[in-house]
Amino acid sequence: MPPLKFKPPHYEFVLDIALEMTNTDNNQSYWASYNQLRDVCEKHEGTILDHAFQWETLADFTSDKSEAINLYLKALALAKNSEEQDYIASISFRLAELYLDLGQNEKVRIYIDTANDASEQTSDLSLRTEIVDFLLSFNQNAT
């Protein structure tokens, strides 16, 4: 997740749920938290309280790659609409990773280039380094 210039709507609530999912060993508790997060996303979808942060977080905890991609695409649309380069970079990077796992190199290229372009407009050096490393590795393996 990108560094925050301001806290998105529901930031504390979404963060608390994400921490619960990360720290629980209880499958039932995990899914209860996951469903709470999904409810936040769906309840506020299309409203002023809709934000890339909550969709990106939900996608981060979604194990089905196809479903995760759909969630990241929702998050990316919101990030692009609000021109939040940190989110555009992190979400596009994750999409590139997922498409690489699926062997869809043409989509990897699209999203890693988007991630790289957006990361150049951020101050998140760690994310920029990860993206450049991925891009270099992808370019080496694609030839």
C-alpha atoms as a PDB file:
ATOM      1  CA  MET A   1       0.000   0.000   0.000  1.00  0.00           C
ATOM      2  CA  PRO A   2       1.249   3.472  -0.810  1.00  0.00           C
ATOM      3  CA  PRO A   3       2.209   6.049   1.805  1.00  0.00           C
ATOM      4  CA  LEU A   4      -0.702   8.266   2.718  1.00  0.00           C
ATOM      5  CA  LYS A   5      -0.910  11.983   2.031  1.00  0.00           C
ATOM      6  CA  PHE A   6      -4.328  11.933   3.642  1.00  0.00           C
ATOM      7  CA  LYS A   7      -6.367   9.128   5.097  1.00  0.00           C
ATOM      8  CA  PRO A   8      -8.993   7.696   2.761  1.00  0.00           C
ATOM      9  CA  PRO A   9     -12.548   7.172   4.006  1.00  0.00           C
ATOM     10  CA  HIS A  10     -12.802   4.227   6.378  1.00  0.00           C
ATOM     11  CA  TYR A  11      -9.001   4.061   6.667  1.00  0.00           C
ATOM     12  CA  GLU A  12      -8.862   3.012  10.323  1.00  0.00           C
ATOM     13  CA  PHE A  13     -11.693   0.500   9.933  1.00  0.00           C
ATOM     14  CA  VAL A  14     -10.168  -1.079   6.803  1.00  0.00           C
ATOM     15  CA  LEU A  15      -6.731  -1.171   8.412  1.00  0.00           C
ATOM     16  CA  ASP A  16      -8.137  -2.837  11.552  1.00  0.00           C
ATOM     17  CA  ILE A  17      -9.894  -5.478   9.451  1.00  0.00           C
ATOM     18  CA  ALA A  18      -6.731  -6.115   7.421  1.00  0.00           C
ATOM     19  CA  LEU A  19      -4.727  -6.541  10.623  1.00  0.00           C
ATOM     20  CA  GLU A  20      -7.323  -8.973  11.981  1.00  0.00           C
ATOM     21  CA  MET A  21      -7.110 -11.060   8.792  1.00  0.00           C
ATOM     22  CA  THR A  22      -3.327 -10.989   8.865  1.00  0.00           C
ATOM     23  CA  ASN A  23      -3.055 -12.004  12.509  1.00  0.00           C
ATOM     24  CA  THR A  24      -5.786 -14.604  12.898  1.00  0.00           C
ATOM     25  CA  ASP A  25      -5.292 -18.354  12.824  1.00  0.00           C
ATOM     26  CA  ASN A  26      -9.040 -18.872  12.896  1.00  0.00           C
ATOM     27  CA  ASN A  27     -10.503 -19.495   9.436  1.00  0.00           C
ATOM     28  CA  GLN A  28     -13.995 -18.460  10.540  1.00  0.00           C
ATOM     29  CA  SER A  29     -12.686 -15.185  11.966  1.00  0.00           C
ATOM     30  CA  TYR A  30     -10.703 -14.527   8.801  1.00  0.00           C
ATOM     31  CA  TRP A  31     -13.748 -14.914   6.567  1.00  0.00           C
ATOM     32  CA  ALA A  32     -15.934 -12.835   8.860  1.00  0.00           C
ATOM     33  CA  SER A  33     -13.404 -10.017   8.586  1.00  0.00           C
ATOM     34  CA  TYR A  34     -13.045 -10.493   4.835  1.00  0.00           C
ATOM     35  CA  ASN A  35     -16.820 -10.226   4.433  1.00  0.00           C
ATOM     36  CA  GLN A  36     -16.851  -7.043   6.551  1.00  0.00           C
ATOM     37  CA  LEU A  37     -14.273  -5.536   4.241  1.00  0.00           C
ATOM     38  CA  ARG A  38     -16.220  -6.600   1.157  1.00  0.00           C
ATOM     39  CA  ASP A  39     -19.347  -5.029   2.685  1.00  0.00           C
ATOM     40  CA  VAL A  40     -17.528  -1.709   3.163  1.00  0.00           C
ATOM     41  CA  CYS A  41     -16.420  -1.755  -0.462  1.00  0.00           C
ATOM     42  CA  GLU A  42     -19.807  -2.703  -1.861  1.00  0.00           C
ATOM     43  CA  LYS A  43     -21.795  -0.374   0.401  1.00  0.00           C
ATOM     44  CA  HIS A  44     -19.795   2.670  -0.674  1.00  0.00           C
ATOM     45  CA  GLU A  45     -19.191   1.719  -4.300  1.00  0.00           C
ATOM     46  CA  GLY A  46     -20.009   4.646  -6.556  1.00  0.00           C
ATOM     47  CA  THR A  47     -20.380   7.105  -3.662  1.00  0.00           C
ATOM     48  CA  ILE A  48     -18.133   9.864  -2.412  1.00  0.00           C
ATOM     49  CA  LEU A  49     -16.792   7.364   0.139  1.00  0.00           C
ATOM     50  CA  ASP A  50     -15.585   4.951  -2.536  1.00  0.00           C
ATOM     51  CA  HIS A  51     -11.774   4.801  -2.596  1.00  0.00           C
ATOM     52  CA  ALA A  52      -9.000   2.774  -4.202  1.00  0.00           C
ATOM     53  CA  PHE A  53      -7.566   1.958  -0.758  1.00  0.00           C
ATOM     54  CA  GLN A  54     -10.461  -0.233   0.335  1.00  0.00           C
ATOM     55  CA  TRP A  55     -10.661  -2.100  -3.000  1.00  0.00           C
ATOM     56  CA  GLU A  56      -6.898  -2.619  -3.126  1.00  0.00           C
ATOM     57  CA  THR A  57      -6.966  -3.969   0.415  1.00  0.00           C
ATOM     58  CA  LEU A  58      -9.821  -6.340  -0.414  1.00  0.00           C
ATOM     59  CA  ALA A  59      -7.951  -7.536  -3.506  1.00  0.00           C
ATOM     60  CA  ASP A  60      -4.810  -8.092  -1.425  1.00  0.00           C
ATOM     61  CA  PHE A  61      -6.733 -10.647   0.654  1.00  0.00           C
ATOM     62  CA  THR A  62      -8.521 -12.327  -2.266  1.00  0.00           C
ATOM     63  CA  SER A  63      -6.964 -15.680  -3.124  1.00  0.00           C
ATOM     64  CA  ASP A  64      -8.810 -16.262  -6.405  1.00  0.00           C
ATOM     65  CA  LYS A  65      -6.588 -14.548  -8.975  1.00  0.00           C
ATOM     66  CA  SER A  66      -9.407 -13.752 -11.383  1.00  0.00           C
ATOM     67  CA  GLU A  67     -11.482 -12.156  -8.627  1.00  0.00           C
ATOM     68  CA  ALA A  68      -8.438 -10.299  -7.294  1.00  0.00           C
ATOM     69  CA  ILE A  69      -7.775  -8.891 -10.764  1.00  0.00           C
ATOM     70  CA  ASN A  70     -11.356  -7.611 -10.987  1.00  0.00           C
ATOM     71  CA  LEU A  71     -11.011  -5.943  -7.586  1.00  0.00           C
ATOM     72  CA  TYR A  72      -7.654  -4.391  -8.466  1.00  0.00           C
ATOM     73  CA  LEU A  73      -9.169  -3.062 -11.699  1.00  0.00           C
ATOM     74  CA  LYS A  74     -11.907  -1.329  -9.679  1.00  0.00           C
ATOM     75  CA  ALA A  75      -9.247   0.128  -7.405  1.00  0.00           C
ATOM     76  CA  LEU A  76      -7.154   1.231 -10.381  1.00  0.00           C
ATOM     77  CA  ALA A  77     -10.082   3.024 -12.003  1.00  0.00           C
ATOM     78  CA  LEU A  78     -10.691   4.949  -8.779  1.00  0.00           C
ATOM     79  CA  ALA A  79      -6.996   5.780  -8.408  1.00  0.00           C
ATOM     80  CA  LYS A  80      -6.783   7.018 -11.991  1.00  0.00           C
ATOM     81  CA  ASN A  81      -9.969   9.050 -11.582  1.00  0.00           C
ATOM     82  CA  SER A  82      -8.494  10.848  -8.571  1.00  0.00           C
ATOM     83  CA  GLU A  83      -4.975  10.905 -10.089  1.00  0.00           C
ATOM     84  CA  GLU A  84      -3.408   9.232  -7.047  1.00  0.00           C
ATOM     85  CA  GLN A  85      -0.067   8.145  -8.457  1.00  0.00           C
ATOM     86  CA  ASP A  86       0.926   6.117  -5.375  1.00  0.00           C
ATOM     87  CA  TYR A  87      -2.168   3.954  -5.725  1.00  0.00           C
ATOM     88  CA  ILE A  88      -1.856   3.728  -9.513  1.00  0.00           C
ATOM     89  CA  ALA A  89       1.719   2.475  -9.079  1.00  0.00           C
ATOM     90  CA  SER A  90       1.010  -0.089  -6.363  1.00  0.00           C
ATOM     91  CA  ILE A  91      -2.181  -1.449  -7.941  1.00  0.00           C
ATOM     92  CA  SER A  92      -0.685  -1.648 -11.446  1.00  0.00           C
ATOM     93  CA  PHE A  93       2.359  -3.408 -10.007  1.00  0.00           C
ATOM     94  CA  ARG A  94       0.179  -6.018  -8.327  1.00  0.00           C
ATOM     95  CA  LEU A  95      -1.772  -6.508 -11.558  1.00  0.00           C
ATOM     96  CA  ALA A  96       1.505  -7.071 -13.422  1.00  0.00           C
ATOM     97  CA  GLU A  97       2.503  -9.704 -10.850  1.00  0.00           C
ATOM     98  CA  LEU A  98      -0.838 -11.496 -11.183  1.00  0.00           C
ATOM     99  CA  TYR A  99      -0.754 -11.456 -14.966  1.00  0.00           C
ATOM    100  CA  LEU A 100       2.795 -12.832 -14.862  1.00  0.00           C
ATOM    101  CA  ASP A 101       1.503 -15.713 -12.711  1.00  0.00           C
ATOM    102  CA  LEU A 102      -1.157 -16.304 -15.368  1.00  0.00           C
ATOM    103  CA  GLY A 103       1.380 -16.185 -18.216  1.00  0.00           C
ATOM    104  CA  GLN A 104      -0.252 -13.164 -19.857  1.00  0.00           C
ATOM    105  CA  ASN A 105       2.908 -11.269 -20.770  1.00  0.00           C
ATOM    106  CA  GLU A 106       1.192  -8.658 -22.938  1.00  0.00           C
ATOM    107  CA  LYS A 107      -0.861  -7.561 -19.924  1.00  0.00           C
ATOM    108  CA  VAL A 108       2.213  -7.741 -17.697  1.00  0.00           C
ATOM    109  CA  ARG A 109       3.888  -5.247 -20.038  1.00  0.00           C
ATOM    110  CA  ILE A 110       0.910  -2.859 -19.930  1.00  0.00           C
ATOM    111  CA  TYR A 111       0.618  -2.839 -16.150  1.00  0.00           C
ATOM    112  CA  ILE A 112       4.309  -2.811 -15.279  1.00  0.00           C
ATOM    113  CA  ASP A 113       4.820   0.140 -17.615  1.00  0.00           C
ATOM    114  CA  THR A 114       1.877   1.923 -15.980  1.00  0.00           C
ATOM    115  CA  ALA A 115       3.296   1.127 -12.549  1.00  0.00           C
ATOM    116  CA  ASN A 116       6.720   2.378 -13.539  1.00  0.00           C
ATOM    117  CA  ASP A 117       5.390   5.633 -14.999  1.00  0.00           C
ATOM    118  CA  ALA A 118       3.249   6.306 -11.927  1.00  0.00           C
ATOM    119  CA  SER A 119       6.016   5.386  -9.482  1.00  0.00           C
ATOM    120  CA  GLU A 120       8.274   8.010 -11.046  1.00  0.00           C
ATOM    121  CA  GLN A 121       5.797  10.601  -9.784  1.00  0.00           C
ATOM    122  CA  THR A 122       5.847   9.353  -6.186  1.00  0.00           C
ATOM    123  CA  SER A 123       8.216   9.634  -3.263  1.00  0.00           C
ATOM    124  CA  ASP A 124       7.891   5.940  -2.345  1.00  0.00           C
ATOM    125  CA  LEU A 125      11.435   4.763  -3.075  1.00  0.00           C
ATOM    126  CA  SER A 126      10.760   1.245  -1.842  1.00  0.00           C
ATOM    127  CA  LEU A 127       7.869   0.780  -4.272  1.00  0.00           C
ATOM    128  CA  ARG A 128       9.863   2.362  -7.096  1.00  0.00           C
ATOM    129  CA  THR A 129      12.734  -0.048  -6.446  1.00  0.00           C
ATOM    130  CA  GLU A 130      10.409  -3.080  -6.438  1.00  0.00           C
ATOM    131  CA  ILE A 131       8.840  -1.982  -9.713  1.00  0.00           C
ATOM    132  CA  VAL A 132      12.172  -1.335 -11.424  1.00  0.00           C
ATOM    133  CA  ASP A 133      13.532  -4.693 -10.226  1.00  0.00           C
ATOM    134  CA  PHE A 134      10.425  -6.458 -11.551  1.00  0.00           C
ATOM    135  CA  LEU A 135      10.634  -4.555 -14.836  1.00  0.00           C
ATOM    136  CA  LEU A 136      14.315  -5.445 -15.319  1.00  0.00           C
ATOM    137  CA  SER A 137      13.666  -9.103 -14.531  1.00  0.00           C
ATOM    138  CA  PHE A 138      10.644  -9.205 -16.829  1.00  0.00           C
ATOM    139  CA  ASN A 139      12.598  -7.602 -19.666  1.00  0.00           C
ATOM    140  CA  GLN A 140      15.431 -10.116 -19.258  1.00  0.00           C
ATOM    141  CA  ASN A 141      13.081 -13.103 -19.233  1.00  0.00           C
ATOM    142  CA  ALA A 142      10.865 -11.830 -22.050  1.00  0.00           C
ATOM    143  CA  THR A 143      13.705 -11.799 -24.562  1.00  0.00           C
END
